[in-house]
Amino acid sequence: MKALVLGGTGFIGRRLVDQLLSEGNEVTMVTSGKSANPFGKKVSTITADRFKRESLMKAFSGNAYFDVTFDTIGFRSMDVKNSLDALEGRTGKYVYISSAAVYTGNKEEVSEDDFDPSRTDDIEPGHEKSYGEGKQQSEVYIAKNSGIPYAMVRYPIVIGYDDSTMRFQDHISRILNGEEFHFMEPEGSRNYVWVEDAGQFLAWLGEPGNDGIYNAASPDAFKASDFVRKMADSIGMEAKIVHGSEYSDSGYAFSSSRVLIVRKAEAKGFSFHGSNEWIGPEAKKAREYGNLSPNSFGYFGDLF
């Protein structure tokens, strides 16, 4: 299979490329050149600015064809539109990383049917005002305009020692420094997803027949304060938790619960690792490697 990856040097993208290569696929990455290519000659590269239409159109003006395109850094419907326009007739499938942020309202457990992009009104591409609206409208554009098979995955917060948002590294650093974590009440429960699962699931979505929309997350859910305790326990430390504060200073804290139901993916044979299988290894790596610089997440602040 010939695979194209937008954002292959990013947090999730690197795991995706690793998985695709391990399966014997031919991989091409679109890269701006700002991040180092960790794969060397194992992958082909196309230099383009993913967020500029003219750059994408020029990059794909040739006759190269890709069986599947993976879009790991599309934040707005304009990003998706430009990619699909540039790749018209040059790809057979489009796989998009969406987000649990597409879900709104007070429902505590959400399945894929709780947001239907094909029945959602669209707005003019590029007019989204927030990350969640950007992901919603990206899904809407794909569902209504792709013209080719597609798959979309809704991830909650993705966990790994090199998290591009720096949240995980920040929490480990604060635990090691003995700092307090403050939490308002009530605290909502969330589930998370391991970055290795995220990359492998994307590759799985690229396979023929694995089309449509999927939630993807570890099956267990808990409050942010409990998640901090789990991180601390995994490296033999004690978390200093203060409840009932006037503010929450954890990037994982939410007042409402939202748990992604993953039965659809599991019914098709994909299993996600429980948090106890990955919190420890990722916390130890974060402790060892320290605060790594963010990569593709750096674009986020310029888009909304």
C-alpha atoms as a PDB file:
ATOM      1  CA  MET A   1       0.000   0.000   0.000  1.00  0.00           C
ATOM      2  CA  LYS A   2       1.193   3.506  -0.829  1.00  0.00           C
ATOM      3  CA  ALA A   3       0.438   5.810   2.093  1.00  0.00           C
ATOM      4  CA  LEU A   4       0.687   9.588   2.369  1.00  0.00           C
ATOM      5  CA  VAL A   5       0.956  11.119   5.840  1.00  0.00           C
ATOM      6  CA  LEU A   6       0.302  14.777   6.598  1.00  0.00           C
ATOM      7  CA  GLY A   7       2.093  15.466   9.861  1.00  0.00           C
ATOM      8  CA  GLY A   8       4.312  12.389   9.949  1.00  0.00           C
ATOM      9  CA  THR A   9       6.915  13.972  12.229  1.00  0.00           C
ATOM     10  CA  GLY A  10       4.323  14.920  14.859  1.00  0.00           C
ATOM     11  CA  PHE A  11       3.378  13.330  18.173  1.00  0.00           C
ATOM     12  CA  ILE A  12       0.859  10.828  16.780  1.00  0.00           C
ATOM     13  CA  GLY A  13       2.188  10.924  13.219  1.00  0.00           C
ATOM     14  CA  ARG A  14       5.507   9.331  14.183  1.00  0.00           C
ATOM     15  CA  ARG A  15       3.704   6.339  15.691  1.00  0.00           C
ATOM     16  CA  LEU A  16       1.534   6.052  12.605  1.00  0.00           C
ATOM     17  CA  VAL A  17       4.543   6.052  10.263  1.00  0.00           C
ATOM     18  CA  ASP A  18       6.307   3.478  12.453  1.00  0.00           C
ATOM     19  CA  GLN A  19       3.278   1.198  12.224  1.00  0.00           C
ATOM     20  CA  LEU A  20       2.864   1.648   8.476  1.00  0.00           C
ATOM     21  CA  LEU A  21       6.519   0.836   7.878  1.00  0.00           C
ATOM     22  CA  SER A  22       6.361  -2.230  10.132  1.00  0.00           C
ATOM     23  CA  GLU A  23       3.529  -3.528   7.962  1.00  0.00           C
ATOM     24  CA  GLY A  24       5.607  -3.158   4.813  1.00  0.00           C
ATOM     25  CA  ASN A  25       3.840  -0.109   3.370  1.00  0.00           C
ATOM     26  CA  GLU A  26       5.454   2.510   1.157  1.00  0.00           C
ATOM     27  CA  VAL A  27       5.239   5.800   3.053  1.00  0.00           C
ATOM     28  CA  THR A  28       5.518   9.395   1.883  1.00  0.00           C
ATOM     29  CA  MET A  29       5.387  12.263   4.387  1.00  0.00           C
ATOM     30  CA  VAL A  30       4.353  15.853   3.762  1.00  0.00           C
ATOM     31  CA  THR A  31       6.635  17.995   5.873  1.00  0.00           C
ATOM     32  CA  SER A  32       7.327  21.687   6.216  1.00  0.00           C
ATOM     33  CA  GLY A  33      10.937  20.898   7.073  1.00  0.00           C
ATOM     34  CA  LYS A  34      10.650  22.526  10.492  1.00  0.00           C
ATOM     35  CA  SER A  35      10.873  19.189  12.323  1.00  0.00           C
ATOM     36  CA  ALA A  36      13.624  16.638  11.776  1.00  0.00           C
ATOM     37  CA  ASN A  37      12.773  13.501   9.815  1.00  0.00           C
ATOM     38  CA  PRO A  38      13.335  10.610  12.258  1.00  0.00           C
ATOM     39  CA  PHE A  39      12.877   7.963   9.545  1.00  0.00           C
ATOM     40  CA  GLY A  40      15.650   8.891   7.142  1.00  0.00           C
ATOM     41  CA  LYS A  41      15.565   7.078   3.828  1.00  0.00           C
ATOM     42  CA  LYS A  42      12.830   4.710   5.007  1.00  0.00           C
ATOM     43  CA  VAL A  43      10.261   7.265   3.830  1.00  0.00           C
ATOM     44  CA  SER A  44       9.912   9.640   0.919  1.00  0.00           C
ATOM     45  CA  THR A  45       9.182  13.284   1.670  1.00  0.00           C
ATOM     46  CA  ILE A  46       7.289  16.099  -0.004  1.00  0.00           C
ATOM     47  CA  THR A  47       8.023  19.594   1.248  1.00  0.00           C
ATOM     48  CA  ALA A  48       4.919  21.735   1.615  1.00  0.00           C
ATOM     49  CA  ASP A  49       3.175  23.986   4.108  1.00  0.00           C
ATOM     50  CA  ARG A  50       0.121  22.016   5.098  1.00  0.00           C
ATOM     51  CA  PHE A  51      -1.707  25.196   6.091  1.00  0.00           C
ATOM     52  CA  LYS A  52      -1.235  27.072   2.812  1.00  0.00           C
ATOM     53  CA  ARG A  53      -3.400  26.128  -0.155  1.00  0.00           C
ATOM     54  CA  GLU A  54      -0.968  27.254  -2.844  1.00  0.00           C
ATOM     55  CA  SER A  55       1.824  25.222  -1.295  1.00  0.00           C
ATOM     56  CA  LEU A  56      -0.280  22.043  -1.273  1.00  0.00           C
ATOM     57  CA  MET A  57      -1.561  22.567  -4.814  1.00  0.00           C
ATOM     58  CA  LYS A  58       1.989  22.985  -6.093  1.00  0.00           C
ATOM     59  CA  ALA A  59       3.279  19.979  -4.155  1.00  0.00           C
ATOM     60  CA  PHE A  60       0.663  17.655  -5.675  1.00  0.00           C
ATOM     61  CA  SER A  61       0.657  18.999  -9.215  1.00  0.00           C
ATOM     62  CA  GLY A  62       2.261  15.782 -10.493  1.00  0.00           C
ATOM     63  CA  ASN A  63       0.782  12.343 -11.126  1.00  0.00           C
ATOM     64  CA  ALA A  64       1.716  10.551  -7.910  1.00  0.00           C
ATOM     65  CA  TYR A  65      -1.109   8.410  -6.506  1.00  0.00           C
ATOM     66  CA  PHE A  66      -1.591   7.240  -2.918  1.00  0.00           C
ATOM     67  CA  ASP A  67      -3.887   4.438  -1.842  1.00  0.00           C
ATOM     68  CA  VAL A  68      -4.632   6.216   1.418  1.00  0.00           C
ATOM     69  CA  THR A  69      -3.938   9.661   2.860  1.00  0.00           C
ATOM     70  CA  PHE A  70      -3.658  10.176   6.621  1.00  0.00           C
ATOM     71  CA  ASP A  71      -4.362  13.697   7.867  1.00  0.00           C
ATOM     72  CA  THR A  72      -2.999  14.028  11.397  1.00  0.00           C
ATOM     73  CA  ILE A  73      -2.874  17.844  11.617  1.00  0.00           C
ATOM     74  CA  GLY A  74      -6.100  19.182  10.103  1.00  0.00           C
ATOM     75  CA  PHE A  75      -7.547  21.657  12.579  1.00  0.00           C
ATOM     76  CA  ARG A  76     -10.086  23.479  10.367  1.00  0.00           C
ATOM     77  CA  SER A  77     -12.366  22.630   7.478  1.00  0.00           C
ATOM     78  CA  MET A  78     -10.215  24.883   5.288  1.00  0.00           C
ATOM     79  CA  ASP A  79      -7.248  22.613   5.995  1.00  0.00           C
ATOM     80  CA  VAL A  80      -9.261  19.585   4.938  1.00  0.00           C
ATOM     81  CA  LYS A  81     -10.717  21.291   1.864  1.00  0.00           C
ATOM     82  CA  ASN A  82      -7.278  22.336   0.637  1.00  0.00           C
ATOM     83  CA  SER A  83      -5.882  18.842   1.123  1.00  0.00           C
ATOM     84  CA  LEU A  84      -8.758  17.150  -0.675  1.00  0.00           C
ATOM     85  CA  ASP A  85      -8.605  19.657  -3.524  1.00  0.00           C
ATOM     86  CA  ALA A  86      -4.865  19.190  -3.940  1.00  0.00           C
ATOM     87  CA  LEU A  87      -5.227  15.397  -3.835  1.00  0.00           C
ATOM     88  CA  GLU A  88      -8.270  15.132  -6.094  1.00  0.00           C
ATOM     89  CA  GLY A  89      -7.811  12.035  -8.235  1.00  0.00           C
ATOM     90  CA  ARG A  90      -4.557  11.245  -6.419  1.00  0.00           C
ATOM     91  CA  THR A  91      -5.758   9.300  -3.386  1.00  0.00           C
ATOM     92  CA  GLY A  92      -8.216   6.474  -2.826  1.00  0.00           C
ATOM     93  CA  LYS A  93      -9.093   7.093   0.821  1.00  0.00           C
ATOM     94  CA  TYR A  94      -8.861   9.865   3.408  1.00  0.00           C
ATOM     95  CA  VAL A  95      -8.238   9.118   7.099  1.00  0.00           C
ATOM     96  CA  TYR A  96      -8.686  12.058   9.451  1.00  0.00           C
ATOM     97  CA  ILE A  97      -7.820  12.621  13.112  1.00  0.00           C
ATOM     98  CA  SER A  98     -10.800  14.277  14.744  1.00  0.00           C
ATOM     99  CA  SER A  99     -11.461  14.763  18.453  1.00  0.00           C
ATOM    100  CA  ALA A 100     -13.803  14.089  21.335  1.00  0.00           C
ATOM    101  CA  ALA A 101     -14.262  17.870  21.261  1.00  0.00           C
ATOM    102  CA  VAL A 102     -16.919  17.387  18.561  1.00  0.00           C
ATOM    103  CA  TYR A 103     -19.285  16.186  21.299  1.00  0.00           C
ATOM    104  CA  THR A 104     -21.242  18.885  23.086  1.00  0.00           C
ATOM    105  CA  GLY A 105     -23.982  18.866  25.691  1.00  0.00           C
ATOM    106  CA  ASN A 106     -24.220  17.108  29.029  1.00  0.00           C
ATOM    107  CA  LYS A 107     -24.297  13.462  27.995  1.00  0.00           C
ATOM    108  CA  GLU A 108     -21.712  11.598  30.081  1.00  0.00           C
ATOM    109  CA  GLU A 109     -21.184   8.605  27.797  1.00  0.00           C
ATOM    110  CA  VAL A 110     -20.950   9.276  24.076  1.00  0.00           C
ATOM    111  CA  SER A 111     -20.975   6.966  21.071  1.00  0.00           C
ATOM    112  CA  GLU A 112     -20.264   7.828  17.461  1.00  0.00           C
ATOM    113  CA  ASP A 113     -23.948   8.503  16.746  1.00  0.00           C
ATOM    114  CA  ASP A 114     -23.996  11.416  19.189  1.00  0.00           C
ATOM    115  CA  PHE A 115     -22.474  13.653  16.529  1.00  0.00           C
ATOM    116  CA  ASP A 116     -23.463  13.041  12.911  1.00  0.00           C
ATOM    117  CA  PRO A 117     -21.477  15.296  10.557  1.00  0.00           C
ATOM    118  CA  SER A 118     -23.632  14.353   7.583  1.00  0.00           C
ATOM    119  CA  ARG A 119     -26.634  15.944   9.358  1.00  0.00           C
ATOM    120  CA  THR A 120     -24.839  19.001  10.686  1.00  0.00           C
ATOM    121  CA  ASP A 121     -25.008  22.402   9.027  1.00  0.00           C
ATOM    122  CA  ASP A 122     -21.747  23.545   7.532  1.00  0.00           C
ATOM    123  CA  ILE A 123     -20.236  26.999   7.695  1.00  0.00           C
ATOM    124  CA  GLU A 124     -17.845  28.644   5.272  1.00  0.00           C
ATOM    125  CA  PRO A 125     -14.446  26.916   5.543  1.00  0.00           C
ATOM    126  CA  GLY A 126     -12.016  28.883   7.642  1.00  0.00           C
ATOM    127  CA  HIS A 127     -14.652  30.591   9.791  1.00  0.00           C
ATOM    128  CA  GLU A 128     -14.427  28.284  12.801  1.00  0.00           C
ATOM    129  CA  LYS A 129     -13.847  30.042  16.105  1.00  0.00           C
ATOM    130  CA  SER A 130     -12.527  27.228  18.286  1.00  0.00           C
ATOM    131  CA  TYR A 131     -10.708  23.908  18.216  1.00  0.00           C
ATOM    132  CA  GLY A 132     -13.933  21.963  18.793  1.00  0.00           C
ATOM    133  CA  GLU A 133     -15.806  23.817  16.059  1.00  0.00           C
ATOM    134  CA  GLY A 134     -12.849  23.305  13.731  1.00  0.00           C
ATOM    135  CA  LYS A 135     -12.968  19.545  14.241  1.00  0.00           C
ATOM    136  CA  GLN A 136     -16.749  19.468  13.845  1.00  0.00           C
ATOM    137  CA  GLN A 137     -16.636  21.382  10.587  1.00  0.00           C
ATOM    138  CA  SER A 138     -13.724  19.330   9.269  1.00  0.00           C
ATOM    139  CA  GLU A 139     -15.825  16.215   9.783  1.00  0.00           C
ATOM    140  CA  VAL A 140     -18.790  17.902   8.105  1.00  0.00           C
ATOM    141  CA  TYR A 141     -16.704  18.826   5.079  1.00  0.00           C
ATOM    142  CA  ILE A 142     -15.292  15.304   4.696  1.00  0.00           C
ATOM    143  CA  ALA A 143     -18.679  13.632   5.118  1.00  0.00           C
ATOM    144  CA  LYS A 144     -20.357  15.892   2.569  1.00  0.00           C
ATOM    145  CA  ASN A 145     -17.604  16.616   0.049  1.00  0.00           C
ATOM    146  CA  SER A 146     -14.818  14.005   0.053  1.00  0.00           C
ATOM    147  CA  GLY A 147     -16.164  11.950  -2.854  1.00  0.00           C
ATOM    148  CA  ILE A 148     -13.951   9.033  -1.794  1.00  0.00           C
ATOM    149  CA  PRO A 149     -14.027   6.490   1.051  1.00  0.00           C
ATOM    150  CA  TYR A 150     -13.056   8.040   4.370  1.00  0.00           C
ATOM    151  CA  ALA A 151     -12.481   7.192   8.009  1.00  0.00           C
ATOM    152  CA  MET A 152     -12.451   9.559  10.978  1.00  0.00           C
ATOM    153  CA  VAL A 153     -11.283   8.866  14.498  1.00  0.00           C
ATOM    154  CA  ARG A 154     -12.303  10.798  17.592  1.00  0.00           C
ATOM    155  CA  TYR A 155      -9.577  10.742  20.218  1.00  0.00           C
ATOM    156  CA  PRO A 156      -9.819  12.095  23.763  1.00  0.00           C
ATOM    157  CA  ILE A 157      -6.603  13.459  25.303  1.00  0.00           C
ATOM    158  CA  VAL A 158      -3.674  11.484  23.881  1.00  0.00           C
ATOM    159  CA  ILE A 159      -1.024  10.446  26.396  1.00  0.00           C
ATOM    160  CA  GLY A 160       2.690  10.000  25.770  1.00  0.00           C
ATOM    161  CA  TYR A 161       6.025  11.085  27.215  1.00  0.00           C
ATOM    162  CA  ASP A 162       6.614  13.445  24.256  1.00  0.00           C
ATOM    163  CA  ASP A 163       3.119  14.980  24.214  1.00  0.00           C
ATOM    164  CA  SER A 164       3.215  18.008  21.912  1.00  0.00           C
ATOM    165  CA  THR A 165       0.910  19.976  24.242  1.00  0.00           C
ATOM    166  CA  MET A 166       3.435  19.419  27.074  1.00  0.00           C
ATOM    167  CA  ARG A 167       0.651  18.558  29.535  1.00  0.00           C
ATOM    168  CA  PHE A 168       1.964  15.124  30.437  1.00  0.00           C
ATOM    169  CA  GLN A 169       5.543  16.312  30.899  1.00  0.00           C
ATOM    170  CA  ASP A 170       4.329  19.215  33.025  1.00  0.00           C
ATOM    171  CA  HIS A 171       2.403  16.907  35.343  1.00  0.00           C
ATOM    172  CA  ILE A 172       5.370  14.566  35.803  1.00  0.00           C
ATOM    173  CA  SER A 173       7.677  17.506  36.501  1.00  0.00           C
ATOM    174  CA  ARG A 174       5.303  18.887  39.121  1.00  0.00           C
ATOM    175  CA  ILE A 175       4.997  15.504  40.802  1.00  0.00           C
ATOM    176  CA  LEU A 176       8.789  15.184  40.957  1.00  0.00           C
ATOM    177  CA  ASN A 177       9.066  18.688  42.402  1.00  0.00           C
ATOM    178  CA  GLY A 178       6.502  17.949  45.103  1.00  0.00           C
ATOM    179  CA  GLU A 179       4.103  20.648  43.902  1.00  0.00           C
ATOM    180  CA  GLU A 180       0.429  20.685  44.809  1.00  0.00           C
ATOM    181  CA  PHE A 181      -2.350  20.009  42.302  1.00  0.00           C
ATOM    182  CA  HIS A 182      -5.552  21.978  42.890  1.00  0.00           C
ATOM    183  CA  PHE A 183      -8.953  20.744  41.773  1.00  0.00           C
ATOM    184  CA  MET A 184     -12.322  22.430  41.805  1.00  0.00           C
ATOM    185  CA  GLU A 185     -15.421  20.409  42.514  1.00  0.00           C
ATOM    186  CA  PRO A 186     -17.245  18.717  40.979  1.00  0.00           C
ATOM    187  CA  GLU A 187     -14.691  16.735  38.987  1.00  0.00           C
ATOM    188  CA  GLY A 188     -15.769  14.964  35.830  1.00  0.00           C
ATOM    189  CA  SER A 189     -14.463  11.626  34.613  1.00  0.00           C
ATOM    190  CA  ARG A 190     -12.718  11.163  31.270  1.00  0.00           C
ATOM    191  CA  ASN A 191     -10.968   8.425  29.388  1.00  0.00           C
ATOM    192  CA  TYR A 192      -7.690   8.873  27.557  1.00  0.00           C
ATOM    193  CA  VAL A 193      -5.812   7.105  24.777  1.00  0.00           C
ATOM    194  CA  TRP A 194      -2.216   5.888  24.647  1.00  0.00           C
ATOM    195  CA  VAL A 195      -0.270   7.451  21.788  1.00  0.00           C
ATOM    196  CA  GLU A 196       0.940   4.023  20.613  1.00  0.00           C
ATOM    197  CA  ASP A 197      -2.674   2.847  20.333  1.00  0.00           C
ATOM    198  CA  ALA A 198      -3.530   6.084  18.543  1.00  0.00           C
ATOM    199  CA  GLY A 199      -0.897   5.479  15.869  1.00  0.00           C
ATOM    200  CA  GLN A 200      -1.775   1.820  15.420  1.00  0.00           C
ATOM    201  CA  PHE A 201      -5.476   2.562  15.206  1.00  0.00           C
ATOM    202  CA  LEU A 202      -4.892   5.125  12.465  1.00  0.00           C
ATOM    203  CA  ALA A 203      -2.980   2.554  10.420  1.00  0.00           C
ATOM    204  CA  TRP A 204      -5.843   0.096  11.007  1.00  0.00           C
ATOM    205  CA  LEU A 205      -8.334   2.650   9.707  1.00  0.00           C
ATOM    206  CA  GLY A 206      -6.337   2.897   6.501  1.00  0.00           C
ATOM    207  CA  GLU A 207      -7.028  -0.734   5.658  1.00  0.00           C
ATOM    208  CA  PRO A 208      -9.794  -1.509   3.143  1.00  0.00           C
ATOM    209  CA  GLY A 209     -13.197  -1.892   4.778  1.00  0.00           C
ATOM    210  CA  ASN A 210     -12.361   0.064   7.919  1.00  0.00           C
ATOM    211  CA  ASP A 211     -14.326   3.126   6.879  1.00  0.00           C
ATOM    212  CA  GLY A 212     -16.614   5.460   8.802  1.00  0.00           C
ATOM    213  CA  ILE A 213     -16.378   7.212  12.167  1.00  0.00           C
ATOM    214  CA  TYR A 214     -14.866   5.689  15.313  1.00  0.00           C
ATOM    215  CA  ASN A 215     -14.250   6.617  18.915  1.00  0.00           C
ATOM    216  CA  ALA A 216     -10.845   5.466  20.134  1.00  0.00           C
ATOM    217  CA  ALA A 217      -9.839   5.414  23.802  1.00  0.00           C
ATOM    218  CA  SER A 218      -8.754   3.271  26.689  1.00  0.00           C
ATOM    219  CA  PRO A 219     -11.831   1.597  28.167  1.00  0.00           C
ATOM    220  CA  ASP A 220     -11.265   2.907  31.721  1.00  0.00           C
ATOM    221  CA  ALA A 221     -12.190   6.412  32.823  1.00  0.00           C
ATOM    222  CA  PHE A 222     -11.394   8.428  35.929  1.00  0.00           C
ATOM    223  CA  LYS A 223     -11.222  11.914  37.415  1.00  0.00           C
ATOM    224  CA  ALA A 224      -8.157  14.046  36.731  1.00  0.00           C
ATOM    225  CA  SER A 225      -7.056  13.881  40.364  1.00  0.00           C
ATOM    226  CA  ASP A 226      -7.077  10.089  40.179  1.00  0.00           C
ATOM    227  CA  PHE A 227      -5.101  10.246  36.944  1.00  0.00           C
ATOM    228  CA  VAL A 228      -2.453  12.389  38.678  1.00  0.00           C
ATOM    229  CA  ARG A 229      -2.293   9.818  41.489  1.00  0.00           C
ATOM    230  CA  LYS A 230      -1.807   7.049  38.941  1.00  0.00           C
ATOM    231  CA  MET A 231       1.077   8.936  37.358  1.00  0.00           C
ATOM    232  CA  ALA A 232       2.707   9.527  40.723  1.00  0.00           C
ATOM    233  CA  ASP A 233       2.256   5.923  41.872  1.00  0.00           C
ATOM    234  CA  SER A 234       3.803   4.620  38.654  1.00  0.00           C
ATOM    235  CA  ILE A 235       7.116   6.364  39.440  1.00  0.00           C
ATOM    236  CA  GLY A 236       7.070   5.719  43.183  1.00  0.00           C
ATOM    237  CA  MET A 237       6.033   9.224  44.170  1.00  0.00           C
ATOM    238  CA  GLU A 238       3.144  10.736  46.110  1.00  0.00           C
ATOM    239  CA  ALA A 239       0.822  13.238  44.463  1.00  0.00           C
ATOM    240  CA  LYS A 240      -0.153  16.244  46.547  1.00  0.00           C
ATOM    241  CA  ILE A 241      -3.844  16.729  45.793  1.00  0.00           C
ATOM    242  CA  VAL A 242      -5.940  19.640  47.088  1.00  0.00           C
ATOM    243  CA  HIS A 243      -9.695  19.333  46.544  1.00  0.00           C
ATOM    244  CA  GLY A 244     -12.283  22.080  46.726  1.00  0.00           C
ATOM    245  CA  SER A 245     -10.000  24.789  45.352  1.00  0.00           C
ATOM    246  CA  GLU A 246     -11.250  27.927  43.653  1.00  0.00           C
ATOM    247  CA  TYR A 247      -9.469  26.859  40.490  1.00  0.00           C
ATOM    248  CA  SER A 248      -8.027  23.737  38.824  1.00  0.00           C
ATOM    249  CA  ASP A 249      -4.417  23.866  37.722  1.00  0.00           C
ATOM    250  CA  SER A 250      -4.360  20.569  35.861  1.00  0.00           C
ATOM    251  CA  GLY A 251      -4.712  20.506  32.087  1.00  0.00           C
ATOM    252  CA  TYR A 252      -6.689  17.281  32.499  1.00  0.00           C
ATOM    253  CA  ALA A 253      -9.358  18.727  34.804  1.00  0.00           C
ATOM    254  CA  PHE A 254     -12.973  19.055  33.645  1.00  0.00           C
ATOM    255  CA  SER A 255     -16.076  19.767  35.688  1.00  0.00           C
ATOM    256  CA  SER A 256     -18.239  17.459  33.542  1.00  0.00           C
ATOM    257  CA  SER A 257     -17.855  13.810  32.603  1.00  0.00           C
ATOM    258  CA  ARG A 258     -17.436  12.646  29.026  1.00  0.00           C
ATOM    259  CA  VAL A 259     -16.488   9.054  28.365  1.00  0.00           C
ATOM    260  CA  LEU A 260     -16.025   7.749  24.833  1.00  0.00           C
ATOM    261  CA  ILE A 261     -17.703   4.417  24.158  1.00  0.00           C
ATOM    262  CA  VAL A 262     -15.442   2.281  21.951  1.00  0.00           C
ATOM    263  CA  ARG A 263     -17.656  -0.741  21.295  1.00  0.00           C
ATOM    264  CA  LYS A 264     -17.750  -0.045  17.548  1.00  0.00           C
ATOM    265  CA  ALA A 265     -13.974  -0.410  17.173  1.00  0.00           C
ATOM    266  CA  GLU A 266     -13.849  -3.383  19.537  1.00  0.00           C
ATOM    267  CA  ALA A 267     -16.612  -5.149  17.606  1.00  0.00           C
ATOM    268  CA  LYS A 268     -14.397  -4.972  14.515  1.00  0.00           C
ATOM    269  CA  GLY A 269     -11.484  -6.530  16.392  1.00  0.00           C
ATOM    270  CA  PHE A 270      -9.383  -3.608  17.644  1.00  0.00           C
ATOM    271  CA  SER A 271      -8.492  -3.634  21.357  1.00  0.00           C
ATOM    272  CA  PHE A 272      -7.220  -0.614  23.269  1.00  0.00           C
ATOM    273  CA  HIS A 273      -4.788  -0.954  26.161  1.00  0.00           C
ATOM    274  CA  GLY A 274      -6.024  -0.081  29.638  1.00  0.00           C
ATOM    275  CA  SER A 275      -4.360   2.832  31.376  1.00  0.00           C
ATOM    276  CA  ASN A 276      -2.472   0.623  33.825  1.00  0.00           C
ATOM    277  CA  GLU A 277      -0.544  -0.804  30.867  1.00  0.00           C
ATOM    278  CA  TRP A 278       0.821   2.519  29.618  1.00  0.00           C
ATOM    279  CA  ILE A 279       0.846   5.120  32.391  1.00  0.00           C
ATOM    280  CA  GLY A 280       3.937   3.673  34.072  1.00  0.00           C
ATOM    281  CA  PRO A 281       6.135   3.312  30.973  1.00  0.00           C
ATOM    282  CA  GLU A 282       5.209   6.769  29.665  1.00  0.00           C
ATOM    283  CA  ALA A 283       5.730   8.422  33.069  1.00  0.00           C
ATOM    284  CA  LYS A 284       9.182   6.842  33.378  1.00  0.00           C
ATOM    285  CA  LYS A 285      10.140   8.039  29.898  1.00  0.00           C
ATOM    286  CA  ALA A 286       8.943  11.555  30.712  1.00  0.00           C
ATOM    287  CA  ARG A 287      11.031  11.466  33.864  1.00  0.00           C
ATOM    288  CA  GLU A 288      14.064  10.283  31.899  1.00  0.00           C
ATOM    289  CA  TYR A 289      13.828  12.580  28.893  1.00  0.00           C
ATOM    290  CA  GLY A 290      12.399  15.675  30.558  1.00  0.00           C
ATOM    291  CA  ASN A 291      10.438  18.391  28.813  1.00  0.00           C
ATOM    292  CA  LEU A 292      10.642  17.829  25.081  1.00  0.00           C
ATOM    293  CA  SER A 293       9.792  20.662  22.725  1.00  0.00           C
ATOM    294  CA  PRO A 294       6.315  20.768  21.201  1.00  0.00           C
ATOM    295  CA  ASN A 295       6.034  20.118  17.472  1.00  0.00           C
ATOM    296  CA  SER A 296       2.858  20.313  15.359  1.00  0.00           C
ATOM    297  CA  PHE A 297       0.854  21.662  18.298  1.00  0.00           C
ATOM    298  CA  GLY A 298       2.768  24.881  17.823  1.00  0.00           C
ATOM    299  CA  TYR A 299       0.545  25.688  14.860  1.00  0.00           C
ATOM    300  CA  PHE A 300      -2.564  25.649  17.010  1.00  0.00           C
ATOM    301  CA  GLY A 301      -2.212  29.114  18.489  1.00  0.00           C
ATOM    302  CA  ASP A 302      -1.962  30.687  15.041  1.00  0.00           C
ATOM    303  CA  LEU A 303      -5.164  29.120  13.700  1.00  0.00           C
ATOM    304  CA  PHE A 304      -7.885  30.238  16.148  1.00  0.00           C
END
